[in-house]
Amino acid sequence: MERNVHRHAEHDRPIDPRSRGSVYILVLGASLLVAAIGVSSLMAVRVKGRMHNAAIDQAKAQELSRSAIDRGLWEVKTNSLLWRTVFAAGTLTNVPLGDGTFTLFAVDPVDGSLTNNNTDPVELTGLGKVGDARYMLGVTLNGDGTVQPGTWKRVVN
């Protein structure tokens, strides 16, 4: 009685059952390799997308910090007598604009008091925030509220 042996149709010779299992393992291994490459490609695209979004948020935060400074300069121009008092009150905190917020800080670098001497310079610092992105920009004003040339700078804390 002949055992259950599969035969190859063209050559009519027996096929070893172990060789069929090896082909199965080979195909399974190749499939796993293709799947791993696909998953890693998707992960790379997601990381790239997050980096792109973070760069956009950083650029928006930079613009918001400039908006904070511009808002401070507008306050100086439109409220020429009381701008130091307005800044001392700290009214420009977490102002919503677009996708984020800005905050304006004003400091008297000479003695720390914005209201005791109208000739002291004032350092304005704008903080822009969008998502996790933060950017700070600073400028120094003369006592009369005009911008000191060459004082625009990125502030790193």
C-alpha atoms as a PDB file:
ATOM      1  CA  MET A   1       0.000   0.000   0.000  1.00  0.00           C
ATOM      2  CA  GLU A   2       1.416   3.340  -1.024  1.00  0.00           C
ATOM      3  CA  ARG A   3       1.652   6.179   1.472  1.00  0.00           C
ATOM      4  CA  ASN A   4      -0.108   9.446   0.799  1.00  0.00           C
ATOM      5  CA  VAL A   5       2.599  11.112  -1.251  1.00  0.00           C
ATOM      6  CA  HIS A   6       1.952  14.133  -3.405  1.00  0.00           C
ATOM      7  CA  ARG A   7       3.427  14.020  -6.858  1.00  0.00           C
ATOM      8  CA  HIS A   8       4.593  16.827  -9.060  1.00  0.00           C
ATOM      9  CA  ALA A   9       2.412  16.918 -12.176  1.00  0.00           C
ATOM     10  CA  GLU A  10       5.163  17.500 -14.779  1.00  0.00           C
ATOM     11  CA  HIS A  11       7.798  15.098 -13.562  1.00  0.00           C
ATOM     12  CA  ASP A  12       5.688  12.600 -11.751  1.00  0.00           C
ATOM     13  CA  ARG A  13       8.071  12.363  -8.842  1.00  0.00           C
ATOM     14  CA  PRO A  14       7.217  12.606  -5.172  1.00  0.00           C
ATOM     15  CA  ILE A  15       7.438  15.985  -3.415  1.00  0.00           C
ATOM     16  CA  ASP A  16       8.913  15.915   0.021  1.00  0.00           C
ATOM     17  CA  PRO A  17       6.283  17.391   2.435  1.00  0.00           C
ATOM     18  CA  ARG A  18       9.084  19.233   4.291  1.00  0.00           C
ATOM     19  CA  SER A  19       9.916  21.266   1.182  1.00  0.00           C
ATOM     20  CA  ARG A  20       6.351  22.580   1.026  1.00  0.00           C
ATOM     21  CA  GLY A  21       6.710  23.752   4.630  1.00  0.00           C
ATOM     22  CA  SER A  22       9.969  25.535   3.807  1.00  0.00           C
ATOM     23  CA  VAL A  23       8.301  27.435   0.969  1.00  0.00           C
ATOM     24  CA  TYR A  24       5.518  28.434   3.343  1.00  0.00           C
ATOM     25  CA  ILE A  25       8.043  29.720   5.893  1.00  0.00           C
ATOM     26  CA  LEU A  26       9.913  31.605   3.152  1.00  0.00           C
ATOM     27  CA  VAL A  27       6.721  33.287   1.913  1.00  0.00           C
ATOM     28  CA  LEU A  28       5.668  34.106   5.473  1.00  0.00           C
ATOM     29  CA  GLY A  29       9.088  35.640   6.207  1.00  0.00           C
ATOM     30  CA  ALA A  30       8.973  37.740   3.037  1.00  0.00           C
ATOM     31  CA  SER A  31       5.451  38.922   3.924  1.00  0.00           C
ATOM     32  CA  LEU A  32       6.589  39.953   7.385  1.00  0.00           C
ATOM     33  CA  LEU A  33       9.513  41.852   5.875  1.00  0.00           C
ATOM     34  CA  VAL A  34       7.207  43.733   3.486  1.00  0.00           C
ATOM     35  CA  ALA A  35       4.810  44.506   6.350  1.00  0.00           C
ATOM     36  CA  ALA A  36       7.669  45.811   8.534  1.00  0.00           C
ATOM     37  CA  ILE A  37       8.879  48.069   5.719  1.00  0.00           C
ATOM     38  CA  GLY A  38       5.341  49.380   5.225  1.00  0.00           C
ATOM     39  CA  VAL A  39       4.809  50.105   8.906  1.00  0.00           C
ATOM     40  CA  SER A  40       8.178  51.845   9.235  1.00  0.00           C
ATOM     41  CA  SER A  41       7.373  53.974   6.176  1.00  0.00           C
ATOM     42  CA  LEU A  42       4.069  55.034   7.728  1.00  0.00           C
ATOM     43  CA  MET A  43       5.835  55.905  10.979  1.00  0.00           C
ATOM     44  CA  ALA A  44       8.392  57.987   9.082  1.00  0.00           C
ATOM     45  CA  VAL A  45       5.612  59.921   7.324  1.00  0.00           C
ATOM     46  CA  ARG A  46       3.894  60.592  10.658  1.00  0.00           C
ATOM     47  CA  VAL A  47       7.127  61.858  12.242  1.00  0.00           C
ATOM     48  CA  LYS A  48       7.793  64.063   9.234  1.00  0.00           C
ATOM     49  CA  GLY A  49       4.258  65.459   9.482  1.00  0.00           C
ATOM     50  CA  ARG A  50       4.713  66.260  13.168  1.00  0.00           C
ATOM     51  CA  MET A  51       8.024  67.983  12.469  1.00  0.00           C
ATOM     52  CA  HIS A  52       6.366  70.028   9.725  1.00  0.00           C
ATOM     53  CA  ASN A  53       3.534  71.062  12.052  1.00  0.00           C
ATOM     54  CA  ALA A  54       6.034  71.969  14.786  1.00  0.00           C
ATOM     55  CA  ALA A  55       7.946  74.180  12.333  1.00  0.00           C
ATOM     56  CA  ILE A  56       4.720  75.918  11.325  1.00  0.00           C
ATOM     57  CA  ASP A  57       3.797  76.467  14.985  1.00  0.00           C
ATOM     58  CA  GLN A  58       7.283  77.887  15.645  1.00  0.00           C
ATOM     59  CA  ALA A  59       6.913  80.357  12.766  1.00  0.00           C
ATOM     60  CA  LYS A  60       3.471  81.382  14.031  1.00  0.00           C
ATOM     61  CA  ALA A  61       4.850  81.846  17.564  1.00  0.00           C
ATOM     62  CA  GLN A  62       7.592  84.072  16.139  1.00  0.00           C
ATOM     63  CA  GLU A  63       4.989  86.219  14.386  1.00  0.00           C
ATOM     64  CA  LEU A  64       2.932  86.431  17.576  1.00  0.00           C
ATOM     65  CA  SER A  65       5.956  87.647  19.542  1.00  0.00           C
ATOM     66  CA  ARG A  66       6.404  90.378  16.925  1.00  0.00           C
ATOM     67  CA  SER A  67       2.681  91.178  17.263  1.00  0.00           C
ATOM     68  CA  ALA A  68       3.144  91.640  21.004  1.00  0.00           C
ATOM     69  CA  ILE A  69       5.962  94.132  20.401  1.00  0.00           C
ATOM     70  CA  ASP A  70       3.901  95.908  17.731  1.00  0.00           C
ATOM     71  CA  ARG A  71       0.994  96.130  20.169  1.00  0.00           C
ATOM     72  CA  GLY A  72       3.333  97.682  22.735  1.00  0.00           C
ATOM     73  CA  LEU A  73       4.668 100.194  20.199  1.00  0.00           C
ATOM     74  CA  TRP A  74       1.090 101.043  19.244  1.00  0.00           C
ATOM     75  CA  GLU A  75       0.319 101.682  22.929  1.00  0.00           C
ATOM     76  CA  VAL A  76       3.305 104.063  23.146  1.00  0.00           C
ATOM     77  CA  LYS A  77       2.198 105.924  20.026  1.00  0.00           C
ATOM     78  CA  THR A  78      -1.501 106.247  20.905  1.00  0.00           C
ATOM     79  CA  ASN A  79      -1.148 106.797  24.640  1.00  0.00           C
ATOM     80  CA  SER A  80       1.966 108.945  24.784  1.00  0.00           C
ATOM     81  CA  LEU A  81       1.428 110.200  28.345  1.00  0.00           C
ATOM     82  CA  LEU A  82       0.270 107.046  30.136  1.00  0.00           C
ATOM     83  CA  TRP A  83       2.013 104.176  28.299  1.00  0.00           C
ATOM     84  CA  ARG A  84       4.385 103.508  31.195  1.00  0.00           C
ATOM     85  CA  THR A  85       1.437 103.200  33.568  1.00  0.00           C
ATOM     86  CA  VAL A  86      -0.348 100.843  31.159  1.00  0.00           C
ATOM     87  CA  PHE A  87       2.754  98.630  30.933  1.00  0.00           C
ATOM     88  CA  ALA A  88       3.243  98.689  34.708  1.00  0.00           C
ATOM     89  CA  ALA A  89      -0.330  97.402  35.121  1.00  0.00           C
ATOM     90  CA  GLY A  90       0.527  94.336  33.000  1.00  0.00           C
ATOM     91  CA  THR A  91      -2.645  94.340  30.915  1.00  0.00           C
ATOM     92  CA  LEU A  92      -1.243  92.499  27.876  1.00  0.00           C
ATOM     93  CA  THR A  93      -1.128  88.900  29.088  1.00  0.00           C
ATOM     94  CA  ASN A  94      -2.185  85.857  27.025  1.00  0.00           C
ATOM     95  CA  VAL A  95      -3.923  87.916  24.360  1.00  0.00           C
ATOM     96  CA  PRO A  96      -5.524  85.491  21.866  1.00  0.00           C
ATOM     97  CA  LEU A  97      -4.617  85.979  18.222  1.00  0.00           C
ATOM     98  CA  GLY A  98      -4.987  83.421  15.446  1.00  0.00           C
ATOM     99  CA  ASP A  99      -3.899  79.957  16.582  1.00  0.00           C
ATOM    100  CA  GLY A 100      -2.112  81.159  19.719  1.00  0.00           C
ATOM    101  CA  THR A 101      -1.586  83.897  22.260  1.00  0.00           C
ATOM    102  CA  PHE A 102       0.909  86.644  22.964  1.00  0.00           C
ATOM    103  CA  THR A 103       2.108  88.323  26.114  1.00  0.00           C
ATOM    104  CA  LEU A 104       3.989  91.606  26.378  1.00  0.00           C
ATOM    105  CA  PHE A 105       6.464  92.218  29.184  1.00  0.00           C
ATOM    106  CA  ALA A 106       7.846  95.693  29.921  1.00  0.00           C
ATOM    107  CA  VAL A 107      10.817  96.194  32.240  1.00  0.00           C
ATOM    108  CA  ASP A 108      12.812  99.250  33.296  1.00  0.00           C
ATOM    109  CA  PRO A 109      16.420  97.948  33.194  1.00  0.00           C
ATOM    110  CA  VAL A 110      17.721 100.878  35.283  1.00  0.00           C
ATOM    111  CA  ASP A 111      15.714 100.563  38.502  1.00  0.00           C
ATOM    112  CA  GLY A 112      12.830  98.169  37.788  1.00  0.00           C
ATOM    113  CA  SER A 113      10.136 100.866  38.107  1.00  0.00           C
ATOM    114  CA  LEU A 114       8.395 101.907  34.891  1.00  0.00           C
ATOM    115  CA  THR A 115       6.616 104.886  36.420  1.00  0.00           C
ATOM    116  CA  ASN A 116       9.206 106.715  38.525  1.00  0.00           C
ATOM    117  CA  ASN A 117      11.346 108.238  35.757  1.00  0.00           C
ATOM    118  CA  ASN A 118      10.197 109.054  32.229  1.00  0.00           C
ATOM    119  CA  THR A 119      13.766 109.176  30.919  1.00  0.00           C
ATOM    120  CA  ASP A 120      14.678 105.562  31.813  1.00  0.00           C
ATOM    121  CA  PRO A 121      14.741 103.130  28.892  1.00  0.00           C
ATOM    122  CA  VAL A 122      12.165 100.354  28.717  1.00  0.00           C
ATOM    123  CA  GLU A 123      12.789  96.813  27.475  1.00  0.00           C
ATOM    124  CA  LEU A 124       9.794  95.286  25.735  1.00  0.00           C
ATOM    125  CA  THR A 125       9.680  91.518  25.342  1.00  0.00           C
ATOM    126  CA  GLY A 126       7.001  89.771  23.332  1.00  0.00           C
ATOM    127  CA  LEU A 127       6.225  86.113  23.961  1.00  0.00           C
ATOM    128  CA  GLY A 128       4.315  84.223  21.263  1.00  0.00           C
ATOM    129  CA  LYS A 129       2.809  80.789  22.000  1.00  0.00           C
ATOM    130  CA  VAL A 130       1.242  78.335  19.564  1.00  0.00           C
ATOM    131  CA  GLY A 131       0.729  74.784  20.804  1.00  0.00           C
ATOM    132  CA  ASP A 132       4.060  73.698  22.290  1.00  0.00           C
ATOM    133  CA  ALA A 133       6.024  76.342  20.361  1.00  0.00           C
ATOM    134  CA  ARG A 134       7.351  79.419  22.183  1.00  0.00           C
ATOM    135  CA  TYR A 135       9.249  82.406  20.799  1.00  0.00           C
ATOM    136  CA  MET A 136      10.444  85.582  22.530  1.00  0.00           C
ATOM    137  CA  LEU A 137      11.490  88.792  20.822  1.00  0.00           C
ATOM    138  CA  GLY A 138      12.788  91.905  22.540  1.00  0.00           C
ATOM    139  CA  VAL A 139      13.505  95.550  21.806  1.00  0.00           C
ATOM    140  CA  THR A 140      14.665  98.499  23.909  1.00  0.00           C
ATOM    141  CA  LEU A 141      12.829 101.834  23.901  1.00  0.00           C
ATOM    142  CA  ASN A 142      14.326 105.174  24.773  1.00  0.00           C
ATOM    143  CA  GLY A 143      12.715 107.172  27.563  1.00  0.00           C
ATOM    144  CA  ASP A 144      10.502 108.943  25.026  1.00  0.00           C
ATOM    145  CA  GLY A 145       9.210 105.646  23.625  1.00  0.00           C
ATOM    146  CA  THR A 146      11.241 105.552  20.422  1.00  0.00           C
ATOM    147  CA  VAL A 147      13.021 102.333  19.502  1.00  0.00           C
ATOM    148  CA  GLN A 148      16.758 102.292  20.178  1.00  0.00           C
ATOM    149  CA  PRO A 149      18.411 101.321  16.882  1.00  0.00           C
ATOM    150  CA  GLY A 150      20.030  97.887  16.824  1.00  0.00           C
ATOM    151  CA  THR A 151      18.235  96.559  19.897  1.00  0.00           C
ATOM    152  CA  TRP A 152      15.854  94.073  18.245  1.00  0.00           C
ATOM    153  CA  LYS A 153      16.870  90.600  19.384  1.00  0.00           C
ATOM    154  CA  ARG A 154      15.622  87.111  19.983  1.00  0.00           C
ATOM    155  CA  VAL A 155      15.334  86.492  23.712  1.00  0.00           C
ATOM    156  CA  VAL A 156      16.392  83.080  24.977  1.00  0.00           C
ATOM    157  CA  ASN A 157      15.508  82.173  28.531  1.00  0.00           C
END
